[in-house]
C-alpha atoms as a PDB file:
ATOM      1  CA  MET A   1       4.433  12.729 -12.977  1.00  0.00           C
ATOM      2  CA  ALA A   2       5.054  12.567  -8.890  1.00  0.00           C
ATOM      3  CA  GLU A   3       1.534  14.840  -8.989  1.00  0.00           C
ATOM      4  CA  SER A   4      -0.136  11.578 -10.398  1.00  0.00           C
ATOM      5  CA  LYS A   5       1.366   9.315  -8.221  1.00  0.00           C
ATOM      6  CA  VAL A   6      -0.259  10.766  -4.954  1.00  0.00           C
ATOM      7  CA  ARG A   7      -3.361  11.093  -6.568  1.00  0.00           C
ATOM      8  CA  LYS A   8      -3.670   7.329  -7.489  1.00  0.00           C
ATOM      9  CA  ALA A   9      -1.970   6.454  -4.016  1.00  0.00           C
ATOM     10  CA  VAL A  10      -4.704   8.886  -2.052  1.00  0.00           C
ATOM     11  CA  ALA A  11      -7.354   7.390  -4.547  1.00  0.00           C
ATOM     12  CA  LYS A  12      -6.253   3.882  -3.809  1.00  0.00           C
ATOM     13  CA  LYS A  13      -6.197   4.247  -0.224  1.00  0.00           C
ATOM     14  CA  PRO A  14      -9.864   6.168   0.847  1.00  0.00           C
ATOM     15  CA  VAL A  15     -10.078   6.928   4.229  1.00  0.00           C
ATOM     16  CA  ALA A  16     -13.159   5.505   5.976  1.00  0.00           C
ATOM     17  CA  LYS A  17     -14.510   8.069   7.797  1.00  0.00           C
ATOM     18  CA  THR A  18     -16.449   5.729  10.736  1.00  0.00           C
ATOM     19  CA  ALA A  19     -13.314   3.314  11.154  1.00  0.00           C
ATOM     20  CA  ALA A  20     -10.838   5.816  11.380  1.00  0.00           C
ATOM     21  CA  VAL A  21     -12.602   8.474  14.152  1.00  0.00           C
ATOM     22  CA  LYS A  22     -13.093   5.059  16.871  1.00  0.00           C
ATOM     23  CA  PRO A  23     -11.414   6.450  20.214  1.00  0.00           C
ATOM     24  CA  ARG A  24      -7.772   4.438  20.113  1.00  0.00           C
ATOM     25  CA  LYS A  25      -6.240   2.227  23.196  1.00  0.00           C
ATOM     26  CA  PRO A  26      -3.252   3.105  25.296  1.00  0.00           C
ATOM     27  CA  GLU A  27      -0.207   2.412  22.793  1.00  0.00           C
ATOM     28  CA  SER A  28       2.767   0.912  24.295  1.00  0.00           C
ATOM     29  CA  HIS A  29       6.461   2.277  23.525  1.00  0.00           C
ATOM     30  CA  LEU A  30       6.449  -0.999  21.297  1.00  0.00           C
ATOM     31  CA  ALA A  31       3.627  -0.411  19.108  1.00  0.00           C
ATOM     32  CA  MET A  32       4.455   3.354  18.553  1.00  0.00           C
ATOM     33  CA  VAL A  33       7.588   2.407  17.258  1.00  0.00           C
ATOM     34  CA  ARG A  34       6.231  -0.512  15.295  1.00  0.00           C
ATOM     35  CA  ARG A  35       3.100   1.984  14.190  1.00  0.00           C
ATOM     36  CA  ALA A  36       5.678   4.686  13.388  1.00  0.00           C
ATOM     37  CA  ARG A  37       8.024   2.253  11.227  1.00  0.00           C
ATOM     38  CA  ARG A  38       5.262   1.363   9.035  1.00  0.00           C
ATOM     39  CA  ILE A  39       4.464   4.992   8.592  1.00  0.00           C
ATOM     40  CA  ASN A  40       7.728   5.343   6.890  1.00  0.00           C
ATOM     41  CA  ARG A  41       7.290   3.156   4.700  1.00  0.00           C
ATOM     42  CA  GLU A  42       3.892   3.977   3.566  1.00  0.00           C
ATOM     43  CA  LEU A  43       5.285   7.331   3.440  1.00  0.00           C
ATOM     44  CA  ALA A  44       8.502   5.993   1.125  1.00  0.00           C
ATOM     45  CA  GLU A  45       5.891   3.890  -1.338  1.00  0.00           C
ATOM     46  CA  LEU A  46       3.803   7.078  -1.396  1.00  0.00           C
ATOM     47  CA  TYR A  47       6.539   9.408  -2.464  1.00  0.00           C
ATOM     48  CA  PRO A  48       9.226   7.143  -4.064  1.00  0.00           C
ATOM     49  CA  TYR A  49      10.667  10.375  -5.339  1.00  0.00           C
ATOM     50  CA  ALA A  50      11.048  12.569  -2.229  1.00  0.00           C
ATOM     51  CA  HIS A  51      14.655  14.615  -2.479  1.00  0.00           C
ATOM     52  CA  PRO A  52      16.164  17.768  -1.104  1.00  0.00           C
ATOM     53  CA  GLU A  53      14.293  20.747  -2.912  1.00  0.00           C
ATOM     54  CA  LEU A  54      16.674  22.895  -2.637  1.00  0.00           C
ATOM     55  CA  ASP A  55      19.147  22.961  -6.028  1.00  0.00           C
ATOM     56  CA  PHE A  56      22.693  22.751  -4.944  1.00  0.00           C
ATOM     57  CA  GLU A  57      25.869  20.933  -6.655  1.00  0.00           C
ATOM     58  CA  ASN A  58      28.062  20.576  -4.120  1.00  0.00           C
ATOM     59  CA  PRO A  59      28.061  20.991  -0.175  1.00  0.00           C
ATOM     60  CA  PHE A  60      29.429  24.613  -0.065  1.00  0.00           C
ATOM     61  CA  GLN A  61      26.094  25.174  -2.557  1.00  0.00           C
ATOM     62  CA  LEU A  62      23.797  23.167  -0.157  1.00  0.00           C
ATOM     63  CA  LEU A  63      25.337  24.982   2.652  1.00  0.00           C
ATOM     64  CA  VAL A  64      24.433  28.609   1.566  1.00  0.00           C
ATOM     65  CA  ALA A  65      21.110  27.319  -0.059  1.00  0.00           C
ATOM     66  CA  THR A  66      20.230  25.940   3.470  1.00  0.00           C
ATOM     67  CA  VAL A  67      20.718  29.297   5.081  1.00  0.00           C
ATOM     68  CA  LEU A  68      18.941  31.014   2.839  1.00  0.00           C
ATOM     69  CA  SER A  69      16.293  28.935   3.028  1.00  0.00           C
ATOM     70  CA  ALA A  70      14.848  30.280   6.639  1.00  0.00           C
ATOM     71  CA  GLN A  71      11.472  31.813   6.291  1.00  0.00           C
ATOM     72  CA  THR A  72      10.865  31.474   2.677  1.00  0.00           C
ATOM     73  CA  THR A  73      10.417  29.208   0.104  1.00  0.00           C
ATOM     74  CA  ASP A  74      12.915  26.075  -1.700  1.00  0.00           C
ATOM     75  CA  LEU A  75      11.850  27.809  -4.683  1.00  0.00           C
ATOM     76  CA  ARG A  76      12.320  31.618  -4.087  1.00  0.00           C
ATOM     77  CA  VAL A  77      15.633  30.355  -3.168  1.00  0.00           C
ATOM     78  CA  ASN A  78      16.199  28.093  -6.625  1.00  0.00           C
ATOM     79  CA  GLN A  79      15.406  31.048  -8.364  1.00  0.00           C
ATOM     80  CA  THR A  80      18.066  32.848  -6.204  1.00  0.00           C
ATOM     81  CA  THR A  81      21.190  31.141  -5.953  1.00  0.00           C
ATOM     82  CA  PRO A  82      22.034  30.441  -9.452  1.00  0.00           C
ATOM     83  CA  ALA A  83      22.931  34.103  -9.747  1.00  0.00           C
ATOM     84  CA  LEU A  84      24.321  34.203  -6.091  1.00  0.00           C
ATOM     85  CA  PHE A  85      26.798  31.205  -7.410  1.00  0.00           C
ATOM     86  CA  ALA A  86      28.114  32.930 -10.568  1.00  0.00           C
ATOM     87  CA  LYS A  87      29.080  35.735  -8.651  1.00  0.00           C
ATOM     88  CA  TYR A  88      30.199  34.322  -5.436  1.00  0.00           C
ATOM     89  CA  PRO A  89      31.261  30.032  -6.274  1.00  0.00           C
ATOM     90  CA  THR A  90      33.721  29.451  -3.360  1.00  0.00           C
ATOM     91  CA  PRO A  91      33.828  30.220  -0.065  1.00  0.00           C
ATOM     92  CA  GLU A  92      37.148  32.704  -0.744  1.00  0.00           C
ATOM     93  CA  ASP A  93      34.760  34.913  -3.179  1.00  0.00           C
ATOM     94  CA  MET A  94      32.127  35.137  -0.613  1.00  0.00           C
ATOM     95  CA  ALA A  95      34.192  35.755   2.285  1.00  0.00           C
ATOM     96  CA  ALA A  96      35.593  38.368   0.755  1.00  0.00           C
ATOM     97  CA  ALA A  97      31.979  39.719  -0.353  1.00  0.00           C
ATOM     98  CA  ASN A  98      31.280  43.645  -0.475  1.00  0.00           C
ATOM     99  CA  PRO A  99      28.168  43.044   2.197  1.00  0.00           C
ATOM    100  CA  GLU A 100      25.729  45.772   0.288  1.00  0.00           C
ATOM    101  CA  GLU A 101      26.448  43.891  -2.656  1.00  0.00           C
ATOM    102  CA  LEU A 102      25.701  40.241  -1.389  1.00  0.00           C
ATOM    103  CA  GLU A 103      22.454  41.491   0.602  1.00  0.00           C
ATOM    104  CA  GLU A 104      21.394  42.961  -3.600  1.00  0.00           C
ATOM    105  CA  VAL A 105      21.899  39.492  -4.937  1.00  0.00           C
ATOM    106  CA  ILE A 106      19.999  37.490  -1.971  1.00  0.00           C
ATOM    107  CA  ARG A 107      17.813  40.301  -1.547  1.00  0.00           C
ATOM    108  CA  PRO A 108      14.441  37.971  -2.465  1.00  0.00           C
ATOM    109  CA  THR A 109      14.570  35.591   0.118  1.00  0.00           C
ATOM    110  CA  GLY A 110      13.981  38.063   2.815  1.00  0.00           C
ATOM    111  CA  PHE A 111      15.735  38.848   5.750  1.00  0.00           C
ATOM    112  CA  PHE A 112      18.866  39.407   3.366  1.00  0.00           C
ATOM    113  CA  ARG A 113      20.931  41.815   5.584  1.00  0.00           C
ATOM    114  CA  ASN A 114      20.745  39.035   8.400  1.00  0.00           C
ATOM    115  CA  LYS A 115      21.459  36.385   6.009  1.00  0.00           C
ATOM    116  CA  ALA A 116      24.392  38.142   4.275  1.00  0.00           C
ATOM    117  CA  LYS A 117      25.786  38.622   7.350  1.00  0.00           C
ATOM    118  CA  SER A 118      25.770  34.828   8.133  1.00  0.00           C
ATOM    119  CA  LEU A 119      26.680  34.187   4.809  1.00  0.00           C
ATOM    120  CA  ILE A 120      30.063  36.053   4.950  1.00  0.00           C
ATOM    121  CA  GLY A 121      30.728  35.160   8.606  1.00  0.00           C
ATOM    122  CA  LEU A 122      30.713  31.115   7.480  1.00  0.00           C
ATOM    123  CA  SER A 123      32.392  31.683   4.497  1.00  0.00           C
ATOM    124  CA  ILE A 124      35.415  33.319   6.821  1.00  0.00           C
ATOM    125  CA  ALA A 125      35.447  30.712   8.830  1.00  0.00           C
ATOM    126  CA  LEU A 126      35.616  27.851   6.163  1.00  0.00           C
ATOM    127  CA  ARG A 127      38.369  29.584   4.763  1.00  0.00           C
ATOM    128  CA  ASP A 128      40.074  30.824   7.547  1.00  0.00           C
ATOM    129  CA  GLU A 129      39.343  27.299   9.663  1.00  0.00           C
ATOM    130  CA  PHE A 130      38.811  24.522   7.207  1.00  0.00           C
ATOM    131  CA  GLY A 131      40.622  25.355   4.270  1.00  0.00           C
ATOM    132  CA  GLY A 132      37.757  26.208   2.224  1.00  0.00           C
ATOM    133  CA  GLU A 133      36.334  23.280   2.174  1.00  0.00           C
ATOM    134  CA  VAL A 134      32.783  22.552   4.163  1.00  0.00           C
ATOM    135  CA  PRO A 135      33.459  20.386   7.002  1.00  0.00           C
ATOM    136  CA  GLY A 136      31.838  16.856   7.109  1.00  0.00           C
ATOM    137  CA  ARG A 137      30.839  16.456  10.928  1.00  0.00           C
ATOM    138  CA  LEU A 138      28.049  17.906  12.871  1.00  0.00           C
ATOM    139  CA  ALA A 139      30.105  19.157  15.581  1.00  0.00           C
ATOM    140  CA  ASP A 140      32.248  21.430  13.059  1.00  0.00           C
ATOM    141  CA  LEU A 141      28.901  22.327  10.785  1.00  0.00           C
ATOM    142  CA  VAL A 142      27.449  23.860  14.234  1.00  0.00           C
ATOM    143  CA  THR A 143      30.288  26.202  14.763  1.00  0.00           C
ATOM    144  CA  LEU A 144      30.095  28.473  11.711  1.00  0.00           C
ATOM    145  CA  PRO A 145      27.478  31.545  11.823  1.00  0.00           C
ATOM    146  CA  GLY A 146      24.173  30.927  11.124  1.00  0.00           C
ATOM    147  CA  VAL A 147      24.638  27.119  11.032  1.00  0.00           C
ATOM    148  CA  GLY A 148      22.177  24.798  13.096  1.00  0.00           C
ATOM    149  CA  ARG A 149      21.752  21.329  13.948  1.00  0.00           C
ATOM    150  CA  LYS A 150      18.695  21.997  11.465  1.00  0.00           C
ATOM    151  CA  THR A 151      21.162  23.278   8.779  1.00  0.00           C
ATOM    152  CA  ALA A 152      24.044  20.987   9.448  1.00  0.00           C
ATOM    153  CA  ASN A 153      21.735  17.801   9.028  1.00  0.00           C
ATOM    154  CA  VAL A 154      20.502  18.678   5.450  1.00  0.00           C
ATOM    155  CA  VAL A 155      24.557  19.184   4.536  1.00  0.00           C
ATOM    156  CA  LEU A 156      25.517  15.935   6.272  1.00  0.00           C
ATOM    157  CA  GLY A 157      22.279  13.810   4.806  1.00  0.00           C
ATOM    158  CA  ASN A 158      22.161  15.274   1.232  1.00  0.00           C
ATOM    159  CA  ALA A 159      25.937  16.527   0.238  1.00  0.00           C
ATOM    160  CA  PHE A 160      27.671  13.885   2.361  1.00  0.00           C
ATOM    161  CA  GLY A 161      26.047  10.597   2.951  1.00  0.00           C
ATOM    162  CA  VAL A 162      25.973  10.664   6.611  1.00  0.00           C
ATOM    163  CA  PRO A 163      22.075  10.171   8.217  1.00  0.00           C
ATOM    164  CA  GLY A 164      20.551  12.805   9.532  1.00  0.00           C
ATOM    165  CA  ILE A 165      17.098  14.122  10.972  1.00  0.00           C
ATOM    166  CA  THR A 166      15.965  17.508   9.605  1.00  0.00           C
ATOM    167  CA  VAL A 167      13.631  19.329  12.193  1.00  0.00           C
ATOM    168  CA  ASP A 168      11.928  21.876  10.170  1.00  0.00           C
ATOM    169  CA  THR A 169       8.259  23.063  11.011  1.00  0.00           C
ATOM    170  CA  HIS A 170       6.657  20.500   8.859  1.00  0.00           C
ATOM    171  CA  PHE A 171       8.894  17.840  10.704  1.00  0.00           C
ATOM    172  CA  GLY A 172       8.275  18.685  14.472  1.00  0.00           C
ATOM    173  CA  ARG A 173       4.373  19.477  13.524  1.00  0.00           C
ATOM    174  CA  LEU A 174       3.948  15.969  11.896  1.00  0.00           C
ATOM    175  CA  ALA A 175       5.965  13.951  14.605  1.00  0.00           C
ATOM    176  CA  ARG A 176       3.798  15.471  17.161  1.00  0.00           C
ATOM    177  CA  ARG A 177       0.839  14.442  14.960  1.00  0.00           C
ATOM    178  CA  PHE A 178       2.010  11.117  14.200  1.00  0.00           C
ATOM    179  CA  GLY A 179       2.639  10.783  18.604  1.00  0.00           C
ATOM    180  CA  TRP A 180       6.255   9.964  17.831  1.00  0.00           C
ATOM    181  CA  THR A 181       7.304  12.827  20.433  1.00  0.00           C
ATOM    182  CA  THR A 182       4.985  15.699  22.823  1.00  0.00           C
ATOM    183  CA  GLU A 183       8.117  17.373  22.734  1.00  0.00           C
ATOM    184  CA  ASP A 184       8.135  20.927  20.650  1.00  0.00           C
ATOM    185  CA  ASP A 185      12.084  22.073  21.076  1.00  0.00           C
ATOM    186  CA  PRO A 186      13.649  20.883  17.400  1.00  0.00           C
ATOM    187  CA  VAL A 187      16.797  19.206  19.503  1.00  0.00           C
ATOM    188  CA  LYS A 188      14.193  16.917  21.671  1.00  0.00           C
ATOM    189  CA  VAL A 189      12.425  16.104  18.790  1.00  0.00           C
ATOM    190  CA  GLU A 190      15.352  14.841  16.695  1.00  0.00           C
ATOM    191  CA  ALA A 191      16.423  12.770  19.518  1.00  0.00           C
ATOM    192  CA  ALA A 192      13.080  11.608  20.248  1.00  0.00           C
ATOM    193  CA  VAL A 193      13.101  10.805  16.411  1.00  0.00           C
ATOM    194  CA  ALA A 194      16.017   8.981  16.668  1.00  0.00           C
ATOM    195  CA  GLU A 195      15.465   6.397  18.896  1.00  0.00           C
ATOM    196  CA  ILE A 196      12.635   5.425  17.052  1.00  0.00           C
ATOM    197  CA  PHE A 197      14.553   4.925  13.188  1.00  0.00           C
ATOM    198  CA  PRO A 198      17.895   3.034  12.361  1.00  0.00           C
ATOM    199  CA  LYS A 199      20.342   6.023  10.970  1.00  0.00           C
ATOM    200  CA  SER A 200      20.063   4.403   7.523  1.00  0.00           C
ATOM    201  CA  GLU A 201      16.319   5.639   7.570  1.00  0.00           C
ATOM    202  CA  TRP A 202      17.388   9.477   8.927  1.00  0.00           C
ATOM    203  CA  THR A 203      17.658  11.592   5.576  1.00  0.00           C
ATOM    204  CA  MET A 204      14.863   9.818   3.666  1.00  0.00           C
ATOM    205  CA  LEU A 205      12.557   9.559   6.709  1.00  0.00           C
ATOM    206  CA  SER A 206      12.929  13.711   7.080  1.00  0.00           C
ATOM    207  CA  HIS A 207      12.383  14.129   3.347  1.00  0.00           C
ATOM    208  CA  ARG A 208       9.353  12.149   2.888  1.00  0.00           C
ATOM    209  CA  VAL A 209       7.562  13.768   6.223  1.00  0.00           C
ATOM    210  CA  VAL A 210       8.306  17.200   5.147  1.00  0.00           C
ATOM    211  CA  PHE A 211       6.799  16.236   1.788  1.00  0.00           C
ATOM    212  CA  HIS A 212       3.739  14.864   3.719  1.00  0.00           C
ATOM    213  CA  GLY A 213       3.658  17.784   5.644  1.00  0.00           C
ATOM    214  CA  ARG A 214       3.594  20.639   2.631  1.00  0.00           C
ATOM    215  CA  ARG A 215       1.141  18.035   0.387  1.00  0.00           C
ATOM    216  CA  ILE A 216      -1.611  16.704   2.850  1.00  0.00           C
ATOM    217  CA  CYS A 217      -0.905  17.068   6.344  1.00  0.00           C
ATOM    218  CA  HIS A 218      -0.973  20.682   6.673  1.00  0.00           C
ATOM    219  CA  SER A 219      -0.285  22.991   9.747  1.00  0.00           C
ATOM    220  CA  GLN A 220      -3.427  24.592  10.077  1.00  0.00           C
ATOM    221  CA  LYS A 221      -5.845  22.326   7.469  1.00  0.00           C
ATOM    222  CA  PRO A 222      -4.783  19.144   7.447  1.00  0.00           C
ATOM    223  CA  ALA A 223      -6.867  17.009   5.026  1.00  0.00           C
ATOM    224  CA  CYS A 224      -7.143  13.779   7.115  1.00  0.00           C
ATOM    225  CA  GLY A 225      -9.841  12.704   4.570  1.00  0.00           C
ATOM    226  CA  ALA A 226      -7.663  12.547   1.675  1.00  0.00           C
ATOM    227  CA  CYS A 227      -4.520  10.884   3.409  1.00  0.00           C
ATOM    228  CA  PRO A 228      -3.421   7.413   2.788  1.00  0.00           C
ATOM    229  CA  ILE A 229      -1.969   7.033   6.131  1.00  0.00           C
ATOM    230  CA  ALA A 230      -4.743   8.175   8.339  1.00  0.00           C
ATOM    231  CA  PRO A 231      -5.617   4.984   9.925  1.00  0.00           C
ATOM    232  CA  LEU A 232      -1.735   4.937  11.125  1.00  0.00           C
ATOM    233  CA  CYS A 233      -2.634   8.575  12.320  1.00  0.00           C
ATOM    234  CA  PRO A 234      -4.025   9.459  16.413  1.00  0.00           C
ATOM    235  CA  SER A 235      -4.312  13.095  15.234  1.00  0.00           C
ATOM    236  CA  TYR A 236      -7.017  12.353  12.678  1.00  0.00           C
ATOM    237  CA  GLY A 237      -9.658  14.131  12.553  1.00  0.00           C
ATOM    238  CA  GLU A 238      -7.856  17.619  13.328  1.00  0.00           C
ATOM    239  CA  GLY A 239      -8.419  18.583   9.917  1.00  0.00           C
ATOM    240  CA  GLU A 240     -11.365  17.984   7.465  1.00  0.00           C
ATOM    241  CA  THR A 241     -12.440  14.648   7.430  1.00  0.00           C
ATOM    242  CA  ASP A 242     -14.928  14.524   4.349  1.00  0.00           C
ATOM    243  CA  PRO A 243     -12.853  12.647   1.350  1.00  0.00           C
ATOM    244  CA  GLU A 244     -14.155  15.405  -0.802  1.00  0.00           C
ATOM    245  CA  LYS A 245     -13.513  18.222   0.405  1.00  0.00           C
ATOM    246  CA  ALA A 246     -10.280  17.313   2.156  1.00  0.00           C
ATOM    247  CA  ARG A 247      -9.416  16.093  -1.847  1.00  0.00           C
ATOM    248  CA  LYS A 248     -10.084  20.118  -2.310  1.00  0.00           C
ATOM    249  CA  LEU A 249      -6.969  20.810   0.419  1.00  0.00           C
ATOM    250  CA  LEU A 250      -4.487  18.930  -1.277  1.00  0.00           C
ATOM    251  CA  LYS A 251      -1.234  20.909  -1.862  1.00  0.00           C
ATOM    252  CA  TYR A 252       1.102  19.540  -4.283  1.00  0.00           C
ATOM    253  CA  GLU A 253       3.855  22.363  -4.977  1.00  0.00           C
ATOM    254  CA  MET A 254       4.726  21.061  -8.129  1.00  0.00           C
ATOM    255  CA  GLY A 255       5.648  23.018 -11.444  1.00  0.00           C
ATOM    256  CA  GLY A 256       6.760  26.113 -10.169  1.00  0.00           C
ATOM    257  CA  GLN A 257       4.928  26.256  -7.351  1.00  0.00           C
ATOM    258  CA  PRO A 258       6.421  26.813  -3.652  1.00  0.00           C
ATOM    259  CA  GLY A 259       8.805  23.910  -2.791  1.00  0.00           C
ATOM    260  CA  GLN A 260       9.848  22.930  -6.249  1.00  0.00           C
ATOM    261  CA  ARG A 261      13.090  22.397  -7.395  1.00  0.00           C
ATOM    262  CA  LEU A 262      14.365  23.708 -10.617  1.00  0.00           C
ATOM    263  CA  ARG A 263      16.315  20.928 -11.006  1.00  0.00           C
ATOM    264  CA  PRO A 264      15.756  17.508  -9.775  1.00  0.00           C
ATOM    265  CA  PRO A 265      18.223  15.167  -8.794  1.00  0.00           C
ATOM    266  CA  ALA A 266      18.812  11.841 -10.686  1.00  0.00           C
ATOM    267  CA  ASP A 267      18.721   9.843  -7.752  1.00  0.00           C
ATOM    268  CA  PHE A 268      17.597   9.979  -4.080  1.00  0.00           C
ATOM    269  CA  PRO A 269      19.876  11.155  -1.566  1.00  0.00           C
ATOM    270  CA  GLY A 270      19.203   8.614   1.186  1.00  0.00           C
ATOM    271  CA  GLU A 271      20.832   6.070  -0.779  1.00  0.00           C
ATOM    272  CA  ALA A 272      24.241   7.518  -0.346  1.00  0.00           C
ATOM    273  CA  ALA A 273      22.632   7.969   3.498  1.00  0.00           C
ATOM    274  CA  ALA A 274      22.227   4.345   3.942  1.00  0.00           C
ATOM    275  CA  ARG A 275      25.594   3.069   2.333  1.00  0.00           C
ATOM    276  CA  ALA A 276      27.483   5.320   4.760  1.00  0.00           C
ATOM    277  CA  ASP A 277      25.874   4.137   7.998  1.00  0.00           C
ATOM    278  CA  ALA A 278      26.325   0.846   6.507  1.00  0.00           C
ATOM    279  CA  ALA A 279      29.878   0.851   6.186  1.00  0.00           C
ATOM    280  CA  VAL A 280      29.840   2.907   9.874  1.00  0.00           C
ATOM    281  CA  HIS A 281      28.576  -0.458  11.577  1.00  0.00           C
ATOM    282  CA  HIS A 282      30.737  -2.708   9.597  1.00  0.00           C
ATOM    283  CA  GLY A 283      34.085  -0.308  10.896  1.00  0.00           C
ATOM    284  CA  GLN A 284      35.145   0.685   7.517  1.00  0.00           C
ATOM    285  CA  VAL A 285      34.332   4.586   8.127  1.00  0.00           C
ATOM    286  CA  ALA A 286      34.124   5.567  11.386  1.00  0.00           C
ATOM    287  CA  ASP A 287      34.959   8.963  10.824  1.00  0.00           C
ATOM    288  CA  LEU A 288      31.562   9.680   9.187  1.00  0.00           C
ATOM    289  CA  ALA A 289      29.518   8.662  12.065  1.00  0.00           C
ATOM    290  CA  VAL A 290      27.058  11.548  13.632  1.00  0.00           C
ATOM    291  CA  ASP A 291      28.104  13.382  16.237  1.00  0.00           C
ATOM    292  CA  ALA A 292      25.981  12.791  19.228  1.00  0.00           C
END
């Protein structure tokens, strides 16, 4: 179903080769912001089903799954976590885990020794410093072993409804291609993009951009000629511009291919983030505000 939506969108918006490669005039900051927000609207239409592709049922599971997702596919993590959470359902259980036994369970995700060390370390911290609960503040999350801003923002946006921008390799690549920033450092990319979009969009923007990076705007061979937002992209031409050749490059990561959730969510995570942000602005839940 999702794959057919993308294919229909690509077919509806064919990229005109001659029009899209015209030289662009110098762009003001205001024009860039307007173009960026239009890209977001176009991506929302293209990926109305965008969501975190890691399976989870609570904040602890999402935190662990996100740590495990480094240098592997979301699908591989989703195939590994059922046995992991059956054996270690709580931070207390994982904190007391035998390292070698934990390593064996998470071995399929790669880098299992370092990941096991991080999982035991963050579980001990949750048990001893946060009462066995995953904290809902960025400043607290980044103190946990193996947890940086990217992981913290994934947890905040999708488990707590606190808006966050997740700068993974896909997001950083597309933010630069779209001309939203020239920065390479993830923290600087996050800061630059945060100035362009309202907080209520941060979580869903992250999902949409990552979906587009995985499916169309690939690292090595972006499918420019089959990209519905090519007219808005200053980097058009870095990839294959011939429509037919470009369509052959399309990747959908569906039906068991890398990145697919085994148990898709019933609703979309950005809705919670949008409600939380609105409440913050009305002074109702100030504690949910994202740390600077």
